Amino acid sequence: MLRPEGTVNKTHATLLKDKNCKGIMYDIDHEHSEDFIANEVKKSNLKMDVTIRRFMKGSKKMSTVMITFGCKEDLDQALKYGVKVGNSSEDVHLYKPTPKVVQCFKCFKFDHTK
């Protein structure tokens, strides 16, 4: 199971007004740290305030990175134009979390628990 690890700018994560301002980048070089990626994303646009989390599988770094933007406008710009990380331009995709399914174990119907 994949899980995000490590954050940059933890104080900014609590200041986010819109919690749905998350994007995903795939195939990011394992050599790039979260700090390096955050600095590169900020260079793409000076008003971007971002938090970076790299996905991990156990103790192994994955090439997938989640970006949490400070506002919807920054996310829209990143989705449209991508961001530059190192010497390459990377596409940003909208992050869509897996919905949680609630099921009653008495009647086995969905959307309730009792």
PDB file of N, CA and C in Angstrom:
ATOM      1  N   MET A   1       0.838  -1.181   0.000  1.00  0.00           N
ATOM      2  CA  MET A   1       0.000   0.000   0.000  1.00  0.00           C
ATOM      3  C   MET A   1       0.882   1.243   0.000  1.00  0.00           C
ATOM      4  N   LEU A   2       0.545   2.201  -0.850  1.00  0.00           N
ATOM      5  CA  LEU A   2       1.300   3.435  -0.942  1.00  0.00           C
ATOM      6  C   LEU A   2       0.840   4.406   0.131  1.00  0.00           C
ATOM      7  N   ARG A   3       1.790   5.141   0.708  1.00  0.00           N
ATOM      8  CA  ARG A   3       1.440   6.176   1.682  1.00  0.00           C
ATOM      9  C   ARG A   3       2.426   7.321   1.536  1.00  0.00           C
ATOM     10  N   PRO A   4       1.938   8.572   1.678  1.00  0.00           N
ATOM     11  CA  PRO A   4       2.856   9.699   1.554  1.00  0.00           C
ATOM     12  C   PRO A   4       3.703   9.856   2.801  1.00  0.00           C
ATOM     13  N   GLU A   5       4.962  10.199   2.620  1.00  0.00           N
ATOM     14  CA  GLU A   5       5.890  10.415   3.732  1.00  0.00           C
ATOM     15  C   GLU A   5       6.603  11.741   3.545  1.00  0.00           C
ATOM     16  N   GLY A   6       6.968  12.381   4.659  1.00  0.00           N
ATOM     17  CA  GLY A   6       7.770  13.596   4.606  1.00  0.00           C
ATOM     18  C   GLY A   6       6.973  14.799   4.138  1.00  0.00           C
ATOM     19  N   THR A   7       7.167  15.913   4.794  1.00  0.00           N
ATOM     20  CA  THR A   7       6.493  17.136   4.372  1.00  0.00           C
ATOM     21  C   THR A   7       7.471  18.288   4.391  1.00  0.00           C
ATOM     22  N   VAL A   8       7.158  19.289   3.644  1.00  0.00           N
ATOM     23  CA  VAL A   8       7.909  20.536   3.614  1.00  0.00           C
ATOM     24  C   VAL A   8       6.930  21.633   3.964  1.00  0.00           C
ATOM     25  N   ASN A   9       7.357  22.616   4.721  1.00  0.00           N
ATOM     26  CA  ASN A   9       6.503  23.738   5.098  1.00  0.00           C
ATOM     27  C   ASN A   9       5.251  23.268   5.850  1.00  0.00           C
ATOM     28  N   LYS A  10       5.424  22.515   6.924  1.00  0.00           N
ATOM     29  CA  LYS A  10       4.297  21.978   7.668  1.00  0.00           C
ATOM     30  C   LYS A  10       3.364  23.069   8.182  1.00  0.00           C
ATOM     31  N   THR A  11       3.908  24.225   8.523  1.00  0.00           N
ATOM     32  CA  THR A  11       3.057  25.297   9.040  1.00  0.00           C
ATOM     33  C   THR A  11       2.096  25.803   7.973  1.00  0.00           C
ATOM     34  N   HIS A  12       2.516  25.780   6.718  1.00  0.00           N
ATOM     35  CA  HIS A  12       1.643  26.257   5.653  1.00  0.00           C
ATOM     36  C   HIS A  12       0.503  25.278   5.388  1.00  0.00           C
ATOM     37  N   ALA A  13       0.710  24.001   5.660  1.00  0.00           N
ATOM     38  CA  ALA A  13      -0.343  23.021   5.419  1.00  0.00           C
ATOM     39  C   ALA A  13      -1.572  23.308   6.276  1.00  0.00           C
ATOM     40  N   THR A  14      -1.388  23.850   7.474  1.00  0.00           N
ATOM     41  CA  THR A  14      -2.521  24.148   8.338  1.00  0.00           C
ATOM     42  C   THR A  14      -3.224  25.422   7.912  1.00  0.00           C
ATOM     43  N   LEU A  15      -2.591  26.250   7.089  1.00  0.00           N
ATOM     44  CA  LEU A  15      -3.177  27.512   6.668  1.00  0.00           C
ATOM     45  C   LEU A  15      -3.965  27.405   5.365  1.00  0.00           C
ATOM     46  N   LEU A  16      -4.004  26.235   4.778  1.00  0.00           N
ATOM     47  CA  LEU A  16      -4.690  26.095   3.503  1.00  0.00           C
ATOM     48  C   LEU A  16      -6.181  26.351   3.656  1.00  0.00           C
ATOM     49  N   LYS A  17      -6.717  27.174   2.772  1.00  0.00           N
ATOM     50  CA  LYS A  17      -8.139  27.480   2.813  1.00  0.00           C
ATOM     51  C   LYS A  17      -8.946  26.409   2.104  1.00  0.00           C
ATOM     52  N   ASP A  18      -8.433  25.896   0.992  1.00  0.00           N
ATOM     53  CA  ASP A  18      -9.124  24.890   0.209  1.00  0.00           C
ATOM     54  C   ASP A  18      -8.334  23.594   0.293  1.00  0.00           C
ATOM     55  N   LYS A  19      -8.905  22.592   0.928  1.00  0.00           N
ATOM     56  CA  LYS A  19      -8.177  21.343   1.152  1.00  0.00           C
ATOM     57  C   LYS A  19      -8.116  20.473  -0.105  1.00  0.00           C
ATOM     58  N   ASN A  20      -8.830  20.847  -1.157  1.00  0.00           N
ATOM     59  CA  ASN A  20      -8.837  20.057  -2.379  1.00  0.00           C
ATOM     60  C   ASN A  20      -7.824  20.546  -3.397  1.00  0.00           C
ATOM     61  N   CYS A  21      -6.830  21.284  -2.979  1.00  0.00           N
ATOM     62  CA  CYS A  21      -5.806  21.819  -3.884  1.00  0.00           C
ATOM     63  C   CYS A  21      -4.607  20.887  -3.936  1.00  0.00           C
ATOM     64  N   LYS A  22      -4.842  19.654  -4.338  1.00  0.00           N
ATOM     65  CA  LYS A  22      -3.754  18.678  -4.376  1.00  0.00           C
ATOM     66  C   LYS A  22      -3.563  18.150  -5.783  1.00  0.00           C
ATOM     67  N   GLY A  23      -2.287  17.972  -6.133  1.00  0.00           N
ATOM     68  CA  GLY A  23      -1.935  17.408  -7.424  1.00  0.00           C
ATOM     69  C   GLY A  23      -0.938  16.277  -7.241  1.00  0.00           C
ATOM     70  N   ILE A  24      -0.775  15.486  -8.284  1.00  0.00           N
ATOM     71  CA  ILE A  24       0.140  14.341  -8.275  1.00  0.00           C
ATOM     72  C   ILE A  24       1.097  14.485  -9.463  1.00  0.00           C
ATOM     73  N   MET A  25       2.369  14.199  -9.224  1.00  0.00           N
ATOM     74  CA  MET A  25       3.353  14.108 -10.297  1.00  0.00           C
ATOM     75  C   MET A  25       3.927  12.694 -10.275  1.00  0.00           C
ATOM     76  N   TYR A  26       4.056  12.111 -11.448  1.00  0.00           N
ATOM     77  CA  TYR A  26       4.584  10.754 -11.578  1.00  0.00           C
ATOM     78  C   TYR A  26       5.985  10.781 -12.160  1.00  0.00           C
ATOM     79  N   ASP A  27       6.715   9.696 -11.947  1.00  0.00           N
ATOM     80  CA  ASP A  27       8.053   9.497 -12.523  1.00  0.00           C
ATOM     81  C   ASP A  27       9.039  10.600 -12.159  1.00  0.00           C
ATOM     82  N   ILE A  28       9.043  10.997 -10.894  1.00  0.00           N
ATOM     83  CA  ILE A  28      10.006  11.975 -10.399  1.00  0.00           C
ATOM     84  C   ILE A  28      11.251  11.223  -9.939  1.00  0.00           C
ATOM     85  N   ASP A  29      12.403  11.729 -10.316  1.00  0.00           N
ATOM     86  CA  ASP A  29      13.673  11.077  -9.996  1.00  0.00           C
ATOM     87  C   ASP A  29      13.798  10.842  -8.484  1.00  0.00           C
ATOM     88  N   HIS A  30      14.230   9.652  -8.108  1.00  0.00           N
ATOM     89  CA  HIS A  30      14.401   9.297  -6.690  1.00  0.00           C
ATOM     90  C   HIS A  30      15.469  10.143  -6.003  1.00  0.00           C
ATOM     91  N   GLU A  31      16.380  10.708  -6.767  1.00  0.00           N
ATOM     92  CA  GLU A  31      17.456  11.514  -6.210  1.00  0.00           C
ATOM     93  C   GLU A  31      16.957  12.854  -5.666  1.00  0.00           C
ATOM     94  N   HIS A  32      15.811  13.342  -6.174  1.00  0.00           N
ATOM     95  CA  HIS A  32      15.292  14.645  -5.759  1.00  0.00           C
ATOM     96  C   HIS A  32      14.625  14.540  -4.390  1.00  0.00           C
ATOM     97  N   SER A  33      15.063  15.380  -3.458  1.00  0.00           N
ATOM     98  CA  SER A  33      14.450  15.411  -2.127  1.00  0.00           C
ATOM     99  C   SER A  33      13.167  16.241  -2.179  1.00  0.00           C
ATOM    100  N   GLU A  34      12.365  16.143  -1.119  1.00  0.00           N
ATOM    101  CA  GLU A  34      11.135  16.927  -1.033  1.00  0.00           C
ATOM    102  C   GLU A  34      11.445  18.426  -1.030  1.00  0.00           C
ATOM    103  N   ASP A  35      12.516  18.818  -0.341  1.00  0.00           N
ATOM    104  CA  ASP A  35      12.915  20.227  -0.306  1.00  0.00           C
ATOM    105  C   ASP A  35      13.286  20.739  -1.697  1.00  0.00           C
ATOM    106  N   PHE A  36      14.044  19.938  -2.434  1.00  0.00           N
ATOM    107  CA  PHE A  36      14.454  20.323  -3.783  1.00  0.00           C
ATOM    108  C   PHE A  36      13.239  20.492  -4.685  1.00  0.00           C
ATOM    109  N   ILE A  37      12.297  19.548  -4.626  1.00  0.00           N
ATOM    110  CA  ILE A  37      11.096  19.621  -5.455  1.00  0.00           C
ATOM    111  C   ILE A  37      10.271  20.853  -5.094  1.00  0.00           C
ATOM    112  N   ALA A  38      10.118  21.128  -3.794  1.00  0.00           N
ATOM    113  CA  ALA A  38       9.351  22.305  -3.351  1.00  0.00           C
ATOM    114  C   ALA A  38       9.985  23.589  -3.877  1.00  0.00           C
ATOM    115  N   ASN A  39      11.295  23.697  -3.813  1.00  0.00           N
ATOM    116  CA  ASN A  39      11.982  24.889  -4.314  1.00  0.00           C
ATOM    117  C   ASN A  39      11.831  25.040  -5.820  1.00  0.00           C
ATOM    118  N   GLU A  40      11.886  23.930  -6.542  1.00  0.00           N
ATOM    119  CA  GLU A  40      11.721  23.968  -7.994  1.00  0.00           C
ATOM    120  C   GLU A  40      10.303  24.385  -8.375  1.00  0.00           C
ATOM    121  N   VAL A  41       9.306  23.886  -7.650  1.00  0.00           N
ATOM    122  CA  VAL A  41       7.915  24.246  -7.927  1.00  0.00           C
ATOM    123  C   VAL A  41       7.695  25.730  -7.656  1.00  0.00           C
ATOM    124  N   LYS A  42       8.277  26.224  -6.578  1.00  0.00           N
ATOM    125  CA  LYS A  42       8.138  27.651  -6.245  1.00  0.00           C
ATOM    126  C   LYS A  42       8.780  28.536  -7.305  1.00  0.00           C
ATOM    127  N   LYS A  43       9.856  28.065  -7.959  1.00  0.00           N
ATOM    128  CA  LYS A  43      10.495  28.841  -9.021  1.00  0.00           C
ATOM    129  C   LYS A  43       9.581  28.988 -10.233  1.00  0.00           C
ATOM    130  N   SER A  44       8.667  28.016 -10.423  1.00  0.00           N
ATOM    131  CA  SER A  44       7.758  28.071 -11.568  1.00  0.00           C
ATOM    132  C   SER A  44       6.815  29.260 -11.478  1.00  0.00           C
ATOM    133  N   ASN A  45       6.448  29.638 -10.254  1.00  0.00           N
ATOM    134  CA  ASN A  45       5.564  30.783 -10.045  1.00  0.00           C
ATOM    135  C   ASN A  45       5.807  31.292  -8.633  1.00  0.00           C
ATOM    136  N   LEU A  46       6.124  32.565  -8.476  1.00  0.00           N
ATOM    137  CA  LEU A  46       6.523  33.115  -7.179  1.00  0.00           C
ATOM    138  C   LEU A  46       5.425  33.070  -6.128  1.00  0.00           C
ATOM    139  N   LYS A  47       4.135  33.048  -6.526  1.00  0.00           N
ATOM    140  CA  LYS A  47       3.092  33.059  -5.508  1.00  0.00           C
ATOM    141  C   LYS A  47       2.713  31.664  -5.014  1.00  0.00           C
ATOM    142  N   MET A  48       3.292  30.629  -5.595  1.00  0.00           N
ATOM    143  CA  MET A  48       2.961  29.268  -5.161  1.00  0.00           C
ATOM    144  C   MET A  48       3.511  28.988  -3.775  1.00  0.00           C
ATOM    145  N   ASP A  49       2.643  28.503  -2.901  1.00  0.00           N
ATOM    146  CA  ASP A  49       3.022  28.051  -1.572  1.00  0.00           C
ATOM    147  C   ASP A  49       2.665  26.571  -1.528  1.00  0.00           C
ATOM    148  N   VAL A  50       3.652  25.695  -1.440  1.00  0.00           N
ATOM    149  CA  VAL A  50       3.398  24.272  -1.633  1.00  0.00           C
ATOM    150  C   VAL A  50       3.919  23.425  -0.481  1.00  0.00           C
ATOM    151  N   THR A  51       3.306  22.263  -0.334  1.00  0.00           N
ATOM    152  CA  THR A  51       3.782  21.213   0.550  1.00  0.00           C
ATOM    153  C   THR A  51       3.994  19.980  -0.323  1.00  0.00           C
ATOM    154  N   ILE A  52       5.123  19.317  -0.149  1.00  0.00           N
ATOM    155  CA  ILE A  52       5.465  18.155  -0.970  1.00  0.00           C
ATOM    156  C   ILE A  52       5.501  16.905  -0.098  1.00  0.00           C
ATOM    157  N   ARG A  53       4.919  15.822  -0.615  1.00  0.00           N
ATOM    158  CA  ARG A  53       5.011  14.516   0.041  1.00  0.00           C
ATOM    159  C   ARG A  53       5.361  13.475  -1.008  1.00  0.00           C
ATOM    160  N   ARG A  54       6.393  12.713  -0.742  1.00  0.00           N
ATOM    161  CA  ARG A  54       6.767  11.618  -1.645  1.00  0.00           C
ATOM    162  C   ARG A  54       6.116  10.341  -1.134  1.00  0.00           C
ATOM    163  N   PHE A  55       5.536   9.576  -2.041  1.00  0.00           N
ATOM    164  CA  PHE A  55       4.918   8.319  -1.655  1.00  0.00           C
ATOM    165  C   PHE A  55       5.992   7.282  -1.360  1.00  0.00           C
ATOM    166  N   MET A  56       5.712   6.433  -0.384  1.00  0.00           N
ATOM    167  CA  MET A  56       6.638   5.386   0.032  1.00  0.00           C
ATOM    168  C   MET A  56       5.906   4.044  -0.024  1.00  0.00           C
ATOM    169  N   LYS A  57       6.651   2.997  -0.299  1.00  0.00           N
ATOM    170  CA  LYS A  57       6.133   1.634  -0.206  1.00  0.00           C
ATOM    171  C   LYS A  57       7.070   0.915   0.741  1.00  0.00           C
ATOM    172  N   GLY A  58       6.625   0.793   2.002  1.00  0.00           N
ATOM    173  CA  GLY A  58       7.514   0.313   3.051  1.00  0.00           C
ATOM    174  C   GLY A  58       8.549   1.391   3.323  1.00  0.00           C
ATOM    175  N   SER A  59       9.827   1.068   3.163  1.00  0.00           N
ATOM    176  CA  SER A  59      10.880   2.066   3.358  1.00  0.00           C
ATOM    177  C   SER A  59      11.460   2.544   2.025  1.00  0.00           C
ATOM    178  N   LYS A  60      10.865   2.101   0.910  1.00  0.00           N
ATOM    179  CA  LYS A  60      11.378   2.439  -0.415  1.00  0.00           C
ATOM    180  C   LYS A  60      10.655   3.671  -0.970  1.00  0.00           C
ATOM    181  N   LYS A  61      11.442   4.647  -1.464  1.00  0.00           N
ATOM    182  CA  LYS A  61      10.867   5.834  -2.091  1.00  0.00           C
ATOM    183  C   LYS A  61      10.253   5.464  -3.434  1.00  0.00           C
ATOM    184  N   MET A  62       9.048   5.960  -3.668  1.00  0.00           N
ATOM    185  CA  MET A  62       8.401   5.772  -4.958  1.00  0.00           C
ATOM    186  C   MET A  62       8.659   7.013  -5.827  1.00  0.00           C
ATOM    187  N   SER A  63       8.350   6.928  -7.089  1.00  0.00           N
ATOM    188  CA  SER A  63       8.579   8.064  -7.985  1.00  0.00           C
ATOM    189  C   SER A  63       7.370   8.991  -8.051  1.00  0.00           C
ATOM    190  N   THR A  64       6.343   8.726  -7.251  1.00  0.00           N
ATOM    191  CA  THR A  64       5.134   9.543  -7.225  1.00  0.00           C
ATOM    192  C   THR A  64       5.219  10.569  -6.105  1.00  0.00           C
ATOM    193  N   VAL A  65       4.852  11.823  -6.427  1.00  0.00           N
ATOM    194  CA  VAL A  65       4.927  12.922  -5.471  1.00  0.00           C
ATOM    195  C   VAL A  65       3.580  13.634  -5.430  1.00  0.00           C
ATOM    196  N   MET A  66       3.074  13.902  -4.208  1.00  0.00           N
ATOM    197  CA  MET A  66       1.851  14.682  -4.036  1.00  0.00           C
ATOM    198  C   MET A  66       2.235  16.122  -3.721  1.00  0.00           C
ATOM    199  N   ILE A  67       1.572  17.075  -4.393  1.00  0.00           N
ATOM    200  CA  ILE A  67       1.801  18.494  -4.143  1.00  0.00           C
ATOM    201  C   ILE A  67       0.507  19.081  -3.599  1.00  0.00           C
ATOM    202  N   THR A  68       0.589  19.747  -2.453  1.00  0.00           N
ATOM    203  CA  THR A  68      -0.549  20.484  -1.911  1.00  0.00           C
ATOM    204  C   THR A  68      -0.269  21.964  -2.131  1.00  0.00           C
ATOM    205  N   PHE A  69      -1.138  22.614  -2.894  1.00  0.00           N
ATOM    206  CA  PHE A  69      -0.970  24.023  -3.235  1.00  0.00           C
ATOM    207  C   PHE A  69      -1.700  24.906  -2.231  1.00  0.00           C
ATOM    208  N   GLY A  70      -1.263  26.146  -2.112  1.00  0.00           N
ATOM    209  CA  GLY A  70      -1.849  27.094  -1.176  1.00  0.00           C
ATOM    210  C   GLY A  70      -3.192  27.638  -1.609  1.00  0.00           C
ATOM    211  N   CYS A  71      -3.478  27.601  -2.922  1.00  0.00           N
ATOM    212  CA  CYS A  71      -4.764  28.114  -3.395  1.00  0.00           C
ATOM    213  C   CYS A  71      -5.145  27.426  -4.702  1.00  0.00           C
ATOM    214  N   LYS A  72      -6.406  27.529  -5.037  1.00  0.00           N
ATOM    215  CA  LYS A  72      -6.955  26.880  -6.231  1.00  0.00           C
ATOM    216  C   LYS A  72      -6.326  27.411  -7.512  1.00  0.00           C
ATOM    217  N   GLU A  73      -6.010  28.703  -7.548  1.00  0.00           N
ATOM    218  CA  GLU A  73      -5.422  29.295  -8.754  1.00  0.00           C
ATOM    219  C   GLU A  73      -4.064  28.672  -9.074  1.00  0.00           C
ATOM    220  N   ASP A  74      -3.265  28.406  -8.037  1.00  0.00           N
ATOM    221  CA  ASP A  74      -1.958  27.775  -8.244  1.00  0.00           C
ATOM    222  C   ASP A  74      -2.113  26.359  -8.787  1.00  0.00           C
ATOM    223  N   LEU A  75      -3.091  25.621  -8.233  1.00  0.00           N
ATOM    224  CA  LEU A  75      -3.349  24.266  -8.722  1.00  0.00           C
ATOM    225  C   LEU A  75      -3.773  24.309 -10.182  1.00  0.00           C
ATOM    226  N   ASP A  76      -4.682  25.212 -10.527  1.00  0.00           N
ATOM    227  CA  ASP A  76      -5.150  25.319 -11.912  1.00  0.00           C
ATOM    228  C   ASP A  76      -3.999  25.635 -12.867  1.00  0.00           C
ATOM    229  N   GLN A  77      -3.103  26.526 -12.454  1.00  0.00           N
ATOM    230  CA  GLN A  77      -1.960  26.875 -13.297  1.00  0.00           C
ATOM    231  C   GLN A  77      -1.029  25.671 -13.466  1.00  0.00           C
ATOM    232  N   ALA A  78      -0.785  24.940 -12.392  1.00  0.00           N
ATOM    233  CA  ALA A  78       0.091  23.762 -12.472  1.00  0.00           C
ATOM    234  C   ALA A  78      -0.533  22.676 -13.343  1.00  0.00           C
ATOM    235  N   LEU A  79      -1.847  22.492 -13.243  1.00  0.00           N
ATOM    236  CA  LEU A  79      -2.526  21.497 -14.075  1.00  0.00           C
ATOM    237  C   LEU A  79      -2.435  21.873 -15.551  1.00  0.00           C
ATOM    238  N   LYS A  80      -2.535  23.157 -15.840  1.00  0.00           N
ATOM    239  CA  LYS A  80      -2.530  23.626 -17.224  1.00  0.00           C
ATOM    240  C   LYS A  80      -1.135  23.625 -17.831  1.00  0.00           C
ATOM    241  N   TYR A  81      -0.135  24.134 -17.095  1.00  0.00           N
ATOM    242  CA  TYR A  81       1.203  24.328 -17.649  1.00  0.00           C
ATOM    243  C   TYR A  81       2.243  23.345 -17.136  1.00  0.00           C
ATOM    244  N   GLY A  82       1.967  22.623 -16.051  1.00  0.00           N
ATOM    245  CA  GLY A  82       2.970  21.748 -15.453  1.00  0.00           C
ATOM    246  C   GLY A  82       3.958  22.560 -14.625  1.00  0.00           C
ATOM    247  N   VAL A  83       4.954  21.900 -14.069  1.00  0.00           N
ATOM    248  CA  VAL A  83       6.002  22.572 -13.302  1.00  0.00           C
ATOM    249  C   VAL A  83       7.353  22.024 -13.728  1.00  0.00           C
ATOM    250  N   LYS A  84       8.387  22.810 -13.531  1.00  0.00           N
ATOM    251  CA  LYS A  84       9.738  22.394 -13.876  1.00  0.00           C
ATOM    252  C   LYS A  84      10.420  21.856 -12.629  1.00  0.00           C
ATOM    253  N   VAL A  85      10.944  20.629 -12.731  1.00  0.00           N
ATOM    254  CA  VAL A  85      11.703  20.005 -11.648  1.00  0.00           C
ATOM    255  C   VAL A  85      13.048  19.598 -12.227  1.00  0.00           C
ATOM    256  N   GLY A  86      14.092  20.253 -11.748  1.00  0.00           N
ATOM    257  CA  GLY A  86      15.418  19.997 -12.300  1.00  0.00           C
ATOM    258  C   GLY A  86      15.467  20.496 -13.734  1.00  0.00           C
ATOM    259  N   ASN A  87      15.860  19.617 -14.659  1.00  0.00           N
ATOM    260  CA  ASN A  87      15.967  20.001 -16.065  1.00  0.00           C
ATOM    261  C   ASN A  87      14.770  19.577 -16.891  1.00  0.00           C
ATOM    262  N   SER A  88      13.728  19.055 -16.264  1.00  0.00           N
ATOM    263  CA  SER A  88      12.583  18.574 -17.031  1.00  0.00           C
ATOM    264  C   SER A  88      11.289  19.239 -16.578  1.00  0.00           C
ATOM    265  N   SER A  89      10.361  19.332 -17.501  1.00  0.00           N
ATOM    266  CA  SER A  89       9.041  19.862 -17.197  1.00  0.00           C
ATOM    267  C   SER A  89       8.128  18.682 -16.880  1.00  0.00           C
ATOM    268  N   GLU A  90       7.463  18.748 -15.752  1.00  0.00           N
ATOM    269  CA  GLU A  90       6.632  17.631 -15.291  1.00  0.00           C
ATOM    270  C   GLU A  90       5.158  18.004 -15.338  1.00  0.00           C
ATOM    271  N   ASP A  91       4.330  17.071 -15.772  1.00  0.00           N
ATOM    272  CA  ASP A  91       2.883  17.266 -15.756  1.00  0.00           C
ATOM    273  C   ASP A  91       2.358  17.074 -14.344  1.00  0.00           C
ATOM    274  N   VAL A  92       1.359  17.872 -13.993  1.00  0.00           N
ATOM    275  CA  VAL A  92       0.685  17.738 -12.711  1.00  0.00           C
ATOM    276  C   VAL A  92      -0.728  17.251 -12.997  1.00  0.00           C
ATOM    277  N   HIS A  93      -1.157  16.232 -12.276  1.00  0.00           N
ATOM    278  CA  HIS A  93      -2.493  15.664 -12.423  1.00  0.00           C
ATOM    279  C   HIS A  93      -3.286  15.937 -11.155  1.00  0.00           C
ATOM    280  N   LEU A  94      -4.591  16.085 -11.284  1.00  0.00           N
ATOM    281  CA  LEU A  94      -5.452  16.325 -10.133  1.00  0.00           C
ATOM    282  C   LEU A  94      -5.460  15.098  -9.227  1.00  0.00           C
ATOM    283  N   TYR A  95      -5.263  15.314  -7.925  1.00  0.00           N
ATOM    284  CA  TYR A  95      -5.283  14.225  -6.948  1.00  0.00           C
ATOM    285  C   TYR A  95      -6.723  13.907  -6.593  1.00  0.00           C
ATOM    286  N   LYS A  96      -7.108  12.655  -6.779  1.00  0.00           N
ATOM    287  CA  LYS A  96      -8.459  12.204  -6.450  1.00  0.00           C
ATOM    288  C   LYS A  96      -8.335  11.079  -5.422  1.00  0.00           C
ATOM    289  N   PRO A  97      -8.613  11.374  -4.147  1.00  0.00           N
ATOM    290  CA  PRO A  97      -8.483  10.326  -3.131  1.00  0.00           C
ATOM    291  C   PRO A  97      -9.537   9.243  -3.319  1.00  0.00           C
ATOM    292  N   THR A  98      -9.229   8.045  -2.868  1.00  0.00           N
ATOM    293  CA  THR A  98     -10.165   6.937  -2.937  1.00  0.00           C
ATOM    294  C   THR A  98     -11.304   7.192  -1.959  1.00  0.00           C
ATOM    295  N   PRO A  99     -12.557   7.127  -2.429  1.00  0.00           N
ATOM    296  CA  PRO A  99     -13.667   7.383  -1.504  1.00  0.00           C
ATOM    297  C   PRO A  99     -13.790   6.275  -0.469  1.00  0.00           C
ATOM    298  N   LYS A 100     -14.211   6.664   0.737  1.00  0.00           N
ATOM    299  CA  LYS A 100     -14.398   5.686   1.800  1.00  0.00           C
ATOM    300  C   LYS A 100     -15.814   5.129   1.708  1.00  0.00           C
ATOM    301  N   VAL A 101     -15.927   3.823   1.727  1.00  0.00           N
ATOM    302  CA  VAL A 101     -17.219   3.167   1.629  1.00  0.00           C
ATOM    303  C   VAL A 101     -17.676   2.785   3.028  1.00  0.00           C
ATOM    304  N   VAL A 102     -18.913   3.158   3.362  1.00  0.00           N
ATOM    305  CA  VAL A 102     -19.498   2.822   4.662  1.00  0.00           C
ATOM    306  C   VAL A 102     -20.537   1.736   4.428  1.00  0.00           C
ATOM    307  N   GLN A 103     -20.406   0.642   5.188  1.00  0.00           N
ATOM    308  CA  GLN A 103     -21.339  -0.463   5.018  1.00  0.00           C
ATOM    309  C   GLN A 103     -21.782  -0.979   6.372  1.00  0.00           C
ATOM    310  N   CYS A 104     -23.067  -1.259   6.486  1.00  0.00           N
ATOM    311  CA  CYS A 104     -23.642  -1.836   7.700  1.00  0.00           C
ATOM    312  C   CYS A 104     -23.348  -3.337   7.710  1.00  0.00           C
ATOM    313  N   PHE A 105     -22.822  -3.841   8.840  1.00  0.00           N
ATOM    314  CA  PHE A 105     -22.521  -5.265   8.927  1.00  0.00           C
ATOM    315  C   PHE A 105     -23.685  -6.069   9.499  1.00  0.00           C
ATOM    316  N   LYS A 106     -24.813  -5.401   9.727  1.00  0.00           N
ATOM    317  CA  LYS A 106     -26.023  -6.102  10.161  1.00  0.00           C
ATOM    318  C   LYS A 106     -26.883  -6.469   8.948  1.00  0.00           C
ATOM    319  N   CYS A 107     -27.152  -5.475   8.082  1.00  0.00           N
ATOM    320  CA  CYS A 107     -27.975  -5.724   6.898  1.00  0.00           C
ATOM    321  C   CYS A 107     -27.161  -5.753   5.609  1.00  0.00           C
ATOM    322  N   PHE A 108     -25.893  -5.359   5.683  1.00  0.00           N
ATOM    323  CA  PHE A 108     -24.949  -5.334   4.566  1.00  0.00           C
ATOM    324  C   PHE A 108     -25.315  -4.341   3.464  1.00  0.00           C
ATOM    325  N   LYS A 109     -26.129  -3.326   3.794  1.00  0.00           N
ATOM    326  CA  LYS A 109     -26.406  -2.246   2.857  1.00  0.00           C
ATOM    327  C   LYS A 109     -25.372  -1.145   3.076  1.00  0.00           C
ATOM    328  N   PHE A 110     -25.278  -0.253   2.095  1.00  0.00           N
ATOM    329  CA  PHE A 110     -24.267   0.794   2.146  1.00  0.00           C
ATOM    330  C   PHE A 110     -24.828   2.099   2.696  1.00  0.00           C
ATOM    331  N   ASP A 111     -23.904   3.014   3.055  1.00  0.00           N
ATOM    332  CA  ASP A 111     -24.179   4.387   3.505  1.00  0.00           C
ATOM    333  C   ASP A 111     -24.729   4.489   4.919  1.00  0.00           C
ATOM    334  N   HIS A 112     -24.665   3.446   5.697  1.00  0.00           N
ATOM    335  CA  HIS A 112     -25.006   3.535   7.118  1.00  0.00           C
ATOM    336  C   HIS A 112     -24.295   2.407   7.868  1.00  0.00           C
ATOM    337  N   THR A 113     -24.217   2.514   9.190  1.00  0.00           N
ATOM    338  CA  THR A 113     -23.532   1.500   9.985  1.00  0.00           C
ATOM    339  C   THR A 113     -24.430   0.826  11.008  1.00  0.00           C
ATOM    340  N   LYS A 114     -25.662   1.321  11.197  1.00  0.00           N
ATOM    341  CA  LYS A 114     -26.579   0.713  12.183  1.00  0.00           C
ATOM    342  C   LYS A 114     -27.931   0.441  11.581  1.00  0.00           C
TER     343      LYS A 114
END
